[in-house]
Amino acid sequence: MSVLIQPLITEKLTRLQEENQQYAFEVHRNATKPQIRQAIEKRYPDVKVARVNTMVVPSKPKGRFTKSGFVSGRSRVWKKAIITLKEGEIDFFSEI
């Protein structure tokens, strides 16, 4: 099981990176805070994690109008981790 699924890059999270040394990742639903800390420090060897905050993002109703009528559904439930670093920096764009 891979703990880290993908980094999250939005305008708000970019501001958090610049101001507070905080980075966000989508993580596996069953991942614990120590597992997330260990995965971050293993994947990015030059950083030290100060704190890990997690949240489960709930499912939301979604729908769209199509030619055959209204199609309804729900978005998936996923887990987000906000990582605060003591030292170091993560550059997501050099990985791509």
PDB file of N, CA and C in Angstrom:
ATOM      1  N   MET A   1       0.840  -1.179   0.000  1.00  0.00           N
ATOM      2  CA  MET A   1       0.000   0.000   0.000  1.00  0.00           C
ATOM      3  C   MET A   1       0.885   1.241   0.000  1.00  0.00           C
ATOM      4  N   SER A   2       0.658   2.099  -0.954  1.00  0.00           N
ATOM      5  CA  SER A   2       1.367   3.367  -1.011  1.00  0.00           C
ATOM      6  C   SER A   2       0.596   4.384  -0.182  1.00  0.00           C
ATOM      7  N   VAL A   3       1.247   4.998   0.800  1.00  0.00           N
ATOM      8  CA  VAL A   3       0.580   5.934   1.694  1.00  0.00           C
ATOM      9  C   VAL A   3       0.246   7.223   0.958  1.00  0.00           C
ATOM     10  N   LEU A   4       1.220   7.784   0.224  1.00  0.00           N
ATOM     11  CA  LEU A   4       1.009   9.033  -0.506  1.00  0.00           C
ATOM     12  C   LEU A   4       0.426   8.735  -1.874  1.00  0.00           C
ATOM     13  N   ILE A   5      -0.685   9.374  -2.208  1.00  0.00           N
ATOM     14  CA  ILE A   5      -1.293   9.165  -3.519  1.00  0.00           C
ATOM     15  C   ILE A   5      -0.817  10.246  -4.486  1.00  0.00           C
ATOM     16  N   GLN A   6      -1.009  11.526  -4.119  1.00  0.00           N
ATOM     17  CA  GLN A   6      -0.551  12.616  -4.968  1.00  0.00           C
ATOM     18  C   GLN A   6      -0.470  13.904  -4.165  1.00  0.00           C
ATOM     19  N   PRO A   7       0.397  14.829  -4.578  1.00  0.00           N
ATOM     20  CA  PRO A   7       0.415  16.138  -3.925  1.00  0.00           C
ATOM     21  C   PRO A   7      -0.766  16.967  -4.420  1.00  0.00           C
ATOM     22  N   LEU A   8      -1.243  17.868  -3.583  1.00  0.00           N
ATOM     23  CA  LEU A   8      -2.347  18.742  -3.946  1.00  0.00           C
ATOM     24  C   LEU A   8      -1.795  20.135  -4.214  1.00  0.00           C
ATOM     25  N   ILE A   9      -2.157  20.698  -5.361  1.00  0.00           N
ATOM     26  CA  ILE A   9      -1.659  22.017  -5.744  1.00  0.00           C
ATOM     27  C   ILE A   9      -2.858  22.888  -6.120  1.00  0.00           C
ATOM     28  N   THR A  10      -3.164  23.845  -5.254  1.00  0.00           N
ATOM     29  CA  THR A  10      -4.205  24.832  -5.526  1.00  0.00           C
ATOM     30  C   THR A  10      -3.644  26.206  -5.152  1.00  0.00           C
ATOM     31  N   GLU A  11      -4.406  27.250  -5.431  1.00  0.00           N
ATOM     32  CA  GLU A  11      -3.949  28.589  -5.073  1.00  0.00           C
ATOM     33  C   GLU A  11      -3.796  28.734  -3.563  1.00  0.00           C
ATOM     34  N   LYS A  12      -4.772  28.232  -2.827  1.00  0.00           N
ATOM     35  CA  LYS A  12      -4.733  28.349  -1.368  1.00  0.00           C
ATOM     36  C   LYS A  12      -3.557  27.559  -0.789  1.00  0.00           C
ATOM     37  N   LEU A  13      -3.344  26.353  -1.302  1.00  0.00           N
ATOM     38  CA  LEU A  13      -2.245  25.530  -0.792  1.00  0.00           C
ATOM     39  C   LEU A  13      -0.888  26.081  -1.204  1.00  0.00           C
ATOM     40  N   THR A  14      -0.800  26.751  -2.354  1.00  0.00           N
ATOM     41  CA  THR A  14       0.446  27.392  -2.759  1.00  0.00           C
ATOM     42  C   THR A  14       0.785  28.529  -1.802  1.00  0.00           C
ATOM     43  N   ARG A  15      -0.220  29.276  -1.361  1.00  0.00           N
ATOM     44  CA  ARG A  15      -0.003  30.348  -0.390  1.00  0.00           C
ATOM     45  C   ARG A  15       0.472  29.768   0.941  1.00  0.00           C
ATOM     46  N   LEU A  16      -0.096  28.630   1.364  1.00  0.00           N
ATOM     47  CA  LEU A  16       0.351  27.972   2.594  1.00  0.00           C
ATOM     48  C   LEU A  16       1.817  27.524   2.478  1.00  0.00           C
ATOM     49  N   GLN A  17       2.208  27.043   1.300  1.00  0.00           N
ATOM     50  CA  GLN A  17       3.592  26.625   1.093  1.00  0.00           C
ATOM     51  C   GLN A  17       4.539  27.802   1.268  1.00  0.00           C
ATOM     52  N   GLU A  18       4.195  28.932   0.681  1.00  0.00           N
ATOM     53  CA  GLU A  18       5.084  30.096   0.724  1.00  0.00           C
ATOM     54  C   GLU A  18       5.154  30.719   2.114  1.00  0.00           C
ATOM     55  N   GLU A  19       4.025  30.809   2.808  1.00  0.00           N
ATOM     56  CA  GLU A  19       3.977  31.514   4.084  1.00  0.00           C
ATOM     57  C   GLU A  19       4.327  30.645   5.283  1.00  0.00           C
ATOM     58  N   ASN A  20       3.858  29.402   5.307  1.00  0.00           N
ATOM     59  CA  ASN A  20       3.943  28.585   6.523  1.00  0.00           C
ATOM     60  C   ASN A  20       4.720  27.288   6.385  1.00  0.00           C
ATOM     61  N   GLN A  21       5.351  27.048   5.239  1.00  0.00           N
ATOM     62  CA  GLN A  21       6.044  25.777   5.023  1.00  0.00           C
ATOM     63  C   GLN A  21       5.104  24.588   5.196  1.00  0.00           C
ATOM     64  N   GLN A  22       3.857  24.705   4.714  1.00  0.00           N
ATOM     65  CA  GLN A  22       2.884  23.613   4.801  1.00  0.00           C
ATOM     66  C   GLN A  22       2.587  23.096   3.405  1.00  0.00           C
ATOM     67  N   TYR A  23       2.524  21.782   3.282  1.00  0.00           N
ATOM     68  CA  TYR A  23       2.272  21.119   2.009  1.00  0.00           C
ATOM     69  C   TYR A  23       1.119  20.145   2.195  1.00  0.00           C
ATOM     70  N   ALA A  24       0.328  19.944   1.136  1.00  0.00           N
ATOM     71  CA  ALA A  24      -0.844  19.070   1.232  1.00  0.00           C
ATOM     72  C   ALA A  24      -0.688  17.882   0.283  1.00  0.00           C
ATOM     73  N   PHE A  25      -1.143  16.736   0.753  1.00  0.00           N
ATOM     74  CA  PHE A  25      -1.100  15.510  -0.033  1.00  0.00           C
ATOM     75  C   PHE A  25      -2.428  14.780   0.107  1.00  0.00           C
ATOM     76  N   GLU A  26      -2.827  14.104  -0.961  1.00  0.00           N
ATOM     77  CA  GLU A  26      -3.908  13.136  -0.850  1.00  0.00           C
ATOM     78  C   GLU A  26      -3.249  11.843  -0.393  1.00  0.00           C
ATOM     79  N   VAL A  27      -3.796  11.249   0.665  1.00  0.00           N
ATOM     80  CA  VAL A  27      -3.192  10.048   1.241  1.00  0.00           C
ATOM     81  C   VAL A  27      -4.224   8.921   1.278  1.00  0.00           C
ATOM     82  N   HIS A  28      -3.730   7.726   1.517  1.00  0.00           N
ATOM     83  CA  HIS A  28      -4.601   6.556   1.618  1.00  0.00           C
ATOM     84  C   HIS A  28      -5.536   6.714   2.813  1.00  0.00           C
ATOM     85  N   ARG A  29      -6.780   6.251   2.686  1.00  0.00           N
ATOM     86  CA  ARG A  29      -7.782   6.448   3.742  1.00  0.00           C
ATOM     87  C   ARG A  29      -7.376   5.843   5.079  1.00  0.00           C
ATOM     88  N   ASN A  30      -6.629   4.732   5.068  1.00  0.00           N
ATOM     89  CA  ASN A  30      -6.272   4.056   6.315  1.00  0.00           C
ATOM     90  C   ASN A  30      -4.908   4.477   6.849  1.00  0.00           C
ATOM     91  N   ALA A  31      -4.257   5.455   6.228  1.00  0.00           N
ATOM     92  CA  ALA A  31      -2.924   5.871   6.648  1.00  0.00           C
ATOM     93  C   ALA A  31      -2.998   6.640   7.965  1.00  0.00           C
ATOM     94  N   THR A  32      -2.055   6.350   8.848  1.00  0.00           N
ATOM     95  CA  THR A  32      -1.977   7.049  10.128  1.00  0.00           C
ATOM     96  C   THR A  32      -0.953   8.183  10.018  1.00  0.00           C
ATOM     97  N   LYS A  33      -0.958   9.082  11.013  1.00  0.00           N
ATOM     98  CA  LYS A  33      -0.029  10.208  10.999  1.00  0.00           C
ATOM     99  C   LYS A  33       1.435   9.766  11.023  1.00  0.00           C
ATOM    100  N   PRO A  34       1.817   8.775  11.850  1.00  0.00           N
ATOM    101  CA  PRO A  34       3.218   8.319  11.800  1.00  0.00           C
ATOM    102  C   PRO A  34       3.605   7.703  10.452  1.00  0.00           C
ATOM    103  N   GLN A  35       2.679   6.995   9.812  1.00  0.00           N
ATOM    104  CA  GLN A  35       2.959   6.426   8.497  1.00  0.00           C
ATOM    105  C   GLN A  35       3.148   7.526   7.456  1.00  0.00           C
ATOM    106  N   ILE A  36       2.333   8.581   7.543  1.00  0.00           N
ATOM    107  CA  ILE A  36       2.437   9.695   6.602  1.00  0.00           C
ATOM    108  C   ILE A  36       3.765  10.415   6.805  1.00  0.00           C
ATOM    109  N   ARG A  37       4.143  10.671   8.061  1.00  0.00           N
ATOM    110  CA  ARG A  37       5.426  11.325   8.370  1.00  0.00           C
ATOM    111  C   ARG A  37       6.585  10.515   7.797  1.00  0.00           C
ATOM    112  N   GLN A  38       6.557   9.201   8.006  1.00  0.00           N
ATOM    113  CA  GLN A  38       7.626   8.332   7.538  1.00  0.00           C
ATOM    114  C   GLN A  38       7.687   8.319   6.010  1.00  0.00           C
ATOM    115  N   ALA A  39       6.539   8.304   5.347  1.00  0.00           N
ATOM    116  CA  ALA A  39       6.508   8.285   3.884  1.00  0.00           C
ATOM    117  C   ALA A  39       7.045   9.584   3.294  1.00  0.00           C
ATOM    118  N   ILE A  40       6.720  10.723   3.921  1.00  0.00           N
ATOM    119  CA  ILE A  40       7.216  12.019   3.445  1.00  0.00           C
ATOM    120  C   ILE A  40       8.729  12.092   3.596  1.00  0.00           C
ATOM    121  N   GLU A  41       9.245  11.706   4.760  1.00  0.00           N
ATOM    122  CA  GLU A  41      10.682  11.790   4.997  1.00  0.00           C
ATOM    123  C   GLU A  41      11.470  10.781   4.157  1.00  0.00           C
ATOM    124  N   LYS A  42      10.831   9.685   3.770  1.00  0.00           N
ATOM    125  CA  LYS A  42      11.491   8.714   2.904  1.00  0.00           C
ATOM    126  C   LYS A  42      11.504   9.210   1.453  1.00  0.00           C
ATOM    127  N   ARG A  43      10.392   9.782   1.005  1.00  0.00           N
ATOM    128  CA  ARG A  43      10.295  10.246  -0.385  1.00  0.00           C
ATOM    129  C   ARG A  43      11.116  11.519  -0.625  1.00  0.00           C
ATOM    130  N   TYR A  44      11.163  12.403   0.371  1.00  0.00           N
ATOM    131  CA  TYR A  44      11.929  13.644   0.281  1.00  0.00           C
ATOM    132  C   TYR A  44      12.980  13.629   1.400  1.00  0.00           C
ATOM    133  N   PRO A  45      14.177  13.101   1.141  1.00  0.00           N
ATOM    134  CA  PRO A  45      15.163  12.883   2.206  1.00  0.00           C
ATOM    135  C   PRO A  45      15.705  14.159   2.854  1.00  0.00           C
ATOM    136  N   ASP A  46      15.615  15.304   2.191  1.00  0.00           N
ATOM    137  CA  ASP A  46      16.202  16.520   2.759  1.00  0.00           C
ATOM    138  C   ASP A  46      15.217  17.350   3.571  1.00  0.00           C
ATOM    139  N   VAL A  47      14.046  16.806   3.912  1.00  0.00           N
ATOM    140  CA  VAL A  47      13.071  17.548   4.721  1.00  0.00           C
ATOM    141  C   VAL A  47      12.836  16.845   6.055  1.00  0.00           C
ATOM    142  N   LYS A  48      12.474  17.629   7.059  1.00  0.00           N
ATOM    143  CA  LYS A  48      12.090  17.119   8.377  1.00  0.00           C
ATOM    144  C   LYS A  48      10.668  17.590   8.657  1.00  0.00           C
ATOM    145  N   VAL A  49       9.796  16.665   8.999  1.00  0.00           N
ATOM    146  CA  VAL A  49       8.389  16.976   9.245  1.00  0.00           C
ATOM    147  C   VAL A  49       8.206  17.403  10.694  1.00  0.00           C
ATOM    148  N   ALA A  50       7.566  18.554  10.898  1.00  0.00           N
ATOM    149  CA  ALA A  50       7.286  19.039  12.248  1.00  0.00           C
ATOM    150  C   ALA A  50       5.930  18.535  12.726  1.00  0.00           C
ATOM    151  N   ARG A  51       4.933  18.579  11.839  1.00  0.00           N
ATOM    152  CA  ARG A  51       3.574  18.228  12.263  1.00  0.00           C
ATOM    153  C   ARG A  51       2.792  17.684  11.081  1.00  0.00           C
ATOM    154  N   VAL A  52       1.863  16.764  11.361  1.00  0.00           N
ATOM    155  CA  VAL A  52       0.972  16.200  10.356  1.00  0.00           C
ATOM    156  C   VAL A  52      -0.462  16.393  10.836  1.00  0.00           C
ATOM    157  N   ASN A  53      -1.273  17.056  10.024  1.00  0.00           N
ATOM    158  CA  ASN A  53      -2.697  17.196  10.296  1.00  0.00           C
ATOM    159  C   ASN A  53      -3.453  16.473   9.185  1.00  0.00           C
ATOM    160  N   THR A  54      -4.476  15.709   9.560  1.00  0.00           N
ATOM    161  CA  THR A  54      -5.243  14.974   8.557  1.00  0.00           C
ATOM    162  C   THR A  54      -6.711  15.331   8.649  1.00  0.00           C
ATOM    163  N   MET A  55      -7.410  15.144   7.532  1.00  0.00           N
ATOM    164  CA  MET A  55      -8.855  15.327   7.506  1.00  0.00           C
ATOM    165  C   MET A  55      -9.439  14.412   6.439  1.00  0.00           C
ATOM    166  N   VAL A  56     -10.625  13.918   6.715  1.00  0.00           N
ATOM    167  CA  VAL A  56     -11.347  13.108   5.746  1.00  0.00           C
ATOM    168  C   VAL A  56     -12.338  14.020   5.052  1.00  0.00           C
ATOM    169  N   VAL A  57     -12.199  14.125   3.735  1.00  0.00           N
ATOM    170  CA  VAL A  57     -13.077  14.986   2.941  1.00  0.00           C
ATOM    171  C   VAL A  57     -14.320  14.172   2.595  1.00  0.00           C
ATOM    172  N   PRO A  58     -15.505  14.615   3.024  1.00  0.00           N
ATOM    173  CA  PRO A  58     -16.705  13.803   2.831  1.00  0.00           C
ATOM    174  C   PRO A  58     -17.193  13.804   1.396  1.00  0.00           C
ATOM    175  N   SER A  59     -18.075  12.864   1.119  1.00  0.00           N
ATOM    176  CA  SER A  59     -18.708  12.735  -0.188  1.00  0.00           C
ATOM    177  C   SER A  59     -19.739  13.841  -0.369  1.00  0.00           C
ATOM    178  N   LYS A  60     -19.881  14.332  -1.594  1.00  0.00           N
ATOM    179  CA  LYS A  60     -20.870  15.373  -1.892  1.00  0.00           C
ATOM    180  C   LYS A  60     -21.761  14.894  -3.033  1.00  0.00           C
ATOM    181  N   PRO A  61     -23.025  15.294  -3.025  1.00  0.00           N
ATOM    182  CA  PRO A  61     -23.883  14.932  -4.160  1.00  0.00           C
ATOM    183  C   PRO A  61     -23.482  15.705  -5.409  1.00  0.00           C
ATOM    184  N   LYS A  62     -23.432  15.027  -6.524  1.00  0.00           N
ATOM    185  CA  LYS A  62     -23.095  15.638  -7.808  1.00  0.00           C
ATOM    186  C   LYS A  62     -24.179  15.266  -8.812  1.00  0.00           C
ATOM    187  N   GLY A  63     -24.358  16.088  -9.809  1.00  0.00           N
ATOM    188  CA  GLY A  63     -25.326  15.778 -10.846  1.00  0.00           C
ATOM    189  C   GLY A  63     -25.074  16.602 -12.076  1.00  0.00           C
ATOM    190  N   ARG A  64     -25.600  16.118 -13.194  1.00  0.00           N
ATOM    191  CA  ARG A  64     -25.473  16.876 -14.439  1.00  0.00           C
ATOM    192  C   ARG A  64     -26.661  16.542 -15.337  1.00  0.00           C
ATOM    193  N   PHE A  65     -26.986  17.490 -16.172  1.00  0.00           N
ATOM    194  CA  PHE A  65     -28.068  17.294 -17.131  1.00  0.00           C
ATOM    195  C   PHE A  65     -27.486  16.740 -18.416  1.00  0.00           C
ATOM    196  N   THR A  66     -28.079  15.667 -18.901  1.00  0.00           N
ATOM    197  CA  THR A  66     -27.651  15.059 -20.160  1.00  0.00           C
ATOM    198  C   THR A  66     -28.839  14.989 -21.099  1.00  0.00           C
ATOM    199  N   LYS A  67     -28.606  14.471 -22.281  1.00  0.00           N
ATOM    200  CA  LYS A  67     -29.667  14.347 -23.280  1.00  0.00           C
ATOM    201  C   LYS A  67     -30.793  13.434 -22.791  1.00  0.00           C
ATOM    202  N   SER A  68     -30.424  12.416 -21.999  1.00  0.00           N
ATOM    203  CA  SER A  68     -31.423  11.461 -21.513  1.00  0.00           C
ATOM    204  C   SER A  68     -32.003  11.846 -20.152  1.00  0.00           C
ATOM    205  N   GLY A  69     -31.649  13.023 -19.627  1.00  0.00           N
ATOM    206  CA  GLY A  69     -32.200  13.462 -18.352  1.00  0.00           C
ATOM    207  C   GLY A  69     -31.114  13.747 -17.337  1.00  0.00           C
ATOM    208  N   PHE A  70     -31.515  13.913 -16.097  1.00  0.00           N
ATOM    209  CA  PHE A  70     -30.595  14.249 -15.014  1.00  0.00           C
ATOM    210  C   PHE A  70     -29.906  12.997 -14.519  1.00  0.00           C
ATOM    211  N   VAL A  71     -28.583  13.021 -14.438  1.00  0.00           N
ATOM    212  CA  VAL A  71     -27.795  11.905 -13.928  1.00  0.00           C
ATOM    213  C   VAL A  71     -27.224  12.340 -12.586  1.00  0.00           C
ATOM    214  N   SER A  72     -27.544  11.595 -11.529  1.00  0.00           N
ATOM    215  CA  SER A  72     -27.058  11.962 -10.201  1.00  0.00           C
ATOM    216  C   SER A  72     -26.046  10.945  -9.712  1.00  0.00           C
ATOM    217  N   GLY A  73     -25.222  11.389  -8.802  1.00  0.00           N
ATOM    218  CA  GLY A  73     -24.206  10.518  -8.223  1.00  0.00           C
ATOM    219  C   GLY A  73     -23.571  11.216  -7.046  1.00  0.00           C
ATOM    220  N   ARG A  74     -22.467  10.683  -6.580  1.00  0.00           N
ATOM    221  CA  ARG A  74     -21.759  11.277  -5.450  1.00  0.00           C
ATOM    222  C   ARG A  74     -20.269  11.246  -5.746  1.00  0.00           C
ATOM    223  N   SER A  75     -19.546  12.230  -5.182  1.00  0.00           N
ATOM    224  CA  SER A  75     -18.092  12.214  -5.269  1.00  0.00           C
ATOM    225  C   SER A  75     -17.558  11.221  -4.239  1.00  0.00           C
ATOM    226  N   ARG A  76     -16.315  10.863  -4.377  1.00  0.00           N
ATOM    227  CA  ARG A  76     -15.755   9.856  -3.475  1.00  0.00           C
ATOM    228  C   ARG A  76     -15.271  10.495  -2.172  1.00  0.00           C
ATOM    229  N   VAL A  77     -15.140   9.691  -1.145  1.00  0.00           N
ATOM    230  CA  VAL A  77     -14.578  10.121   0.139  1.00  0.00           C
ATOM    231  C   VAL A  77     -13.072   9.919   0.057  1.00  0.00           C
ATOM    232  N   TRP A  78     -12.292  10.938   0.486  1.00  0.00           N
ATOM    233  CA  TRP A  78     -10.845  10.821   0.439  1.00  0.00           C
ATOM    234  C   TRP A  78     -10.221  11.519   1.633  1.00  0.00           C
ATOM    235  N   LYS A  79      -8.940  11.257   1.853  1.00  0.00           N
ATOM    236  CA  LYS A  79      -8.248  11.789   3.018  1.00  0.00           C
ATOM    237  C   LYS A  79      -7.145  12.742   2.563  1.00  0.00           C
ATOM    238  N   LYS A  80      -7.053  13.880   3.267  1.00  0.00           N
ATOM    239  CA  LYS A  80      -6.063  14.912   2.967  1.00  0.00           C
ATOM    240  C   LYS A  80      -5.138  15.054   4.166  1.00  0.00           C
ATOM    241  N   ALA A  81      -3.848  15.228   3.897  1.00  0.00           N
ATOM    242  CA  ALA A  81      -2.863  15.459   4.953  1.00  0.00           C
ATOM    243  C   ALA A  81      -2.162  16.780   4.697  1.00  0.00           C
ATOM    244  N   ILE A  82      -2.115  17.637   5.730  1.00  0.00           N
ATOM    245  CA  ILE A  82      -1.371  18.891   5.676  1.00  0.00           C
ATOM    246  C   ILE A  82      -0.084  18.678   6.473  1.00  0.00           C
ATOM    247  N   ILE A  83       1.051  18.816   5.804  1.00  0.00           N
ATOM    248  CA  ILE A  83       2.355  18.552   6.398  1.00  0.00           C
ATOM    249  C   ILE A  83       3.036  19.884   6.685  1.00  0.00           C
ATOM    250  N   THR A  84       3.472  20.101   7.924  1.00  0.00           N
ATOM    251  CA  THR A  84       4.257  21.279   8.283  1.00  0.00           C
ATOM    252  C   THR A  84       5.705  20.846   8.437  1.00  0.00           C
ATOM    253  N   LEU A  85       6.610  21.555   7.764  1.00  0.00           N
ATOM    254  CA  LEU A  85       8.022  21.177   7.771  1.00  0.00           C
ATOM    255  C   LEU A  85       8.814  22.007   8.775  1.00  0.00           C
ATOM    256  N   LYS A  86       9.797  21.354   9.441  1.00  0.00           N
ATOM    257  CA  LYS A  86      10.756  22.060  10.296  1.00  0.00           C
ATOM    258  C   LYS A  86      11.798  22.735   9.427  1.00  0.00           C
ATOM    259  N   GLU A  87      12.363  21.940   8.516  1.00  0.00           N
ATOM    260  CA  GLU A  87      13.417  22.441   7.646  1.00  0.00           C
ATOM    261  C   GLU A  87      13.301  21.761   6.303  1.00  0.00           C
ATOM    262  N   GLY A  88      13.858  22.393   5.289  1.00  0.00           N
ATOM    263  CA  GLY A  88      13.811  21.842   3.941  1.00  0.00           C
ATOM    264  C   GLY A  88      12.647  22.409   3.152  1.00  0.00           C
ATOM    265  N   GLU A  89      12.588  22.008   1.898  1.00  0.00           N
ATOM    266  CA  GLU A  89      11.546  22.489   1.006  1.00  0.00           C
ATOM    267  C   GLU A  89      11.246  21.402  -0.009  1.00  0.00           C
ATOM    268  N   ILE A  90       9.986  21.283  -0.413  1.00  0.00           N
ATOM    269  CA  ILE A  90       9.567  20.306  -1.403  1.00  0.00           C
ATOM    270  C   ILE A  90       9.240  21.059  -2.684  1.00  0.00           C
ATOM    271  N   ASP A  91       9.831  20.631  -3.800  1.00  0.00           N
ATOM    272  CA  ASP A  91       9.540  21.236  -5.093  1.00  0.00           C
ATOM    273  C   ASP A  91       8.776  20.214  -5.928  1.00  0.00           C
ATOM    274  N   PHE A  92       7.449  20.394  -6.026  1.00  0.00           N
ATOM    275  CA  PHE A  92       6.617  19.446  -6.760  1.00  0.00           C
ATOM    276  C   PHE A  92       6.880  19.513  -8.262  1.00  0.00           C
ATOM    277  N   PHE A  93       7.231  20.676  -8.786  1.00  0.00           N
ATOM    278  CA  PHE A  93       7.328  20.855 -10.219  1.00  0.00           C
ATOM    279  C   PHE A  93       8.592  20.253 -10.807  1.00  0.00           C
ATOM    280  N   SER A  94       9.602  19.988  -9.996  1.00  0.00           N
ATOM    281  CA  SER A  94      10.801  19.339 -10.513  1.00  0.00           C
ATOM    282  C   SER A  94      10.591  17.838 -10.679  1.00  0.00           C
ATOM    283  N   GLU A  95       9.558  17.282 -10.041  1.00  0.00           N
ATOM    284  CA  GLU A  95       9.271  15.850 -10.140  1.00  0.00           C
ATOM    285  C   GLU A  95       8.551  15.488 -11.422  1.00  0.00           C
ATOM    286  N   ILE A  96       7.836  16.438 -11.996  1.00  0.00           N
ATOM    287  CA  ILE A  96       6.977  16.151 -13.161  1.00  0.00           C
ATOM    288  C   ILE A  96       7.777  15.849 -14.380  1.00  0.00           C
TER     289      ILE A  96
END
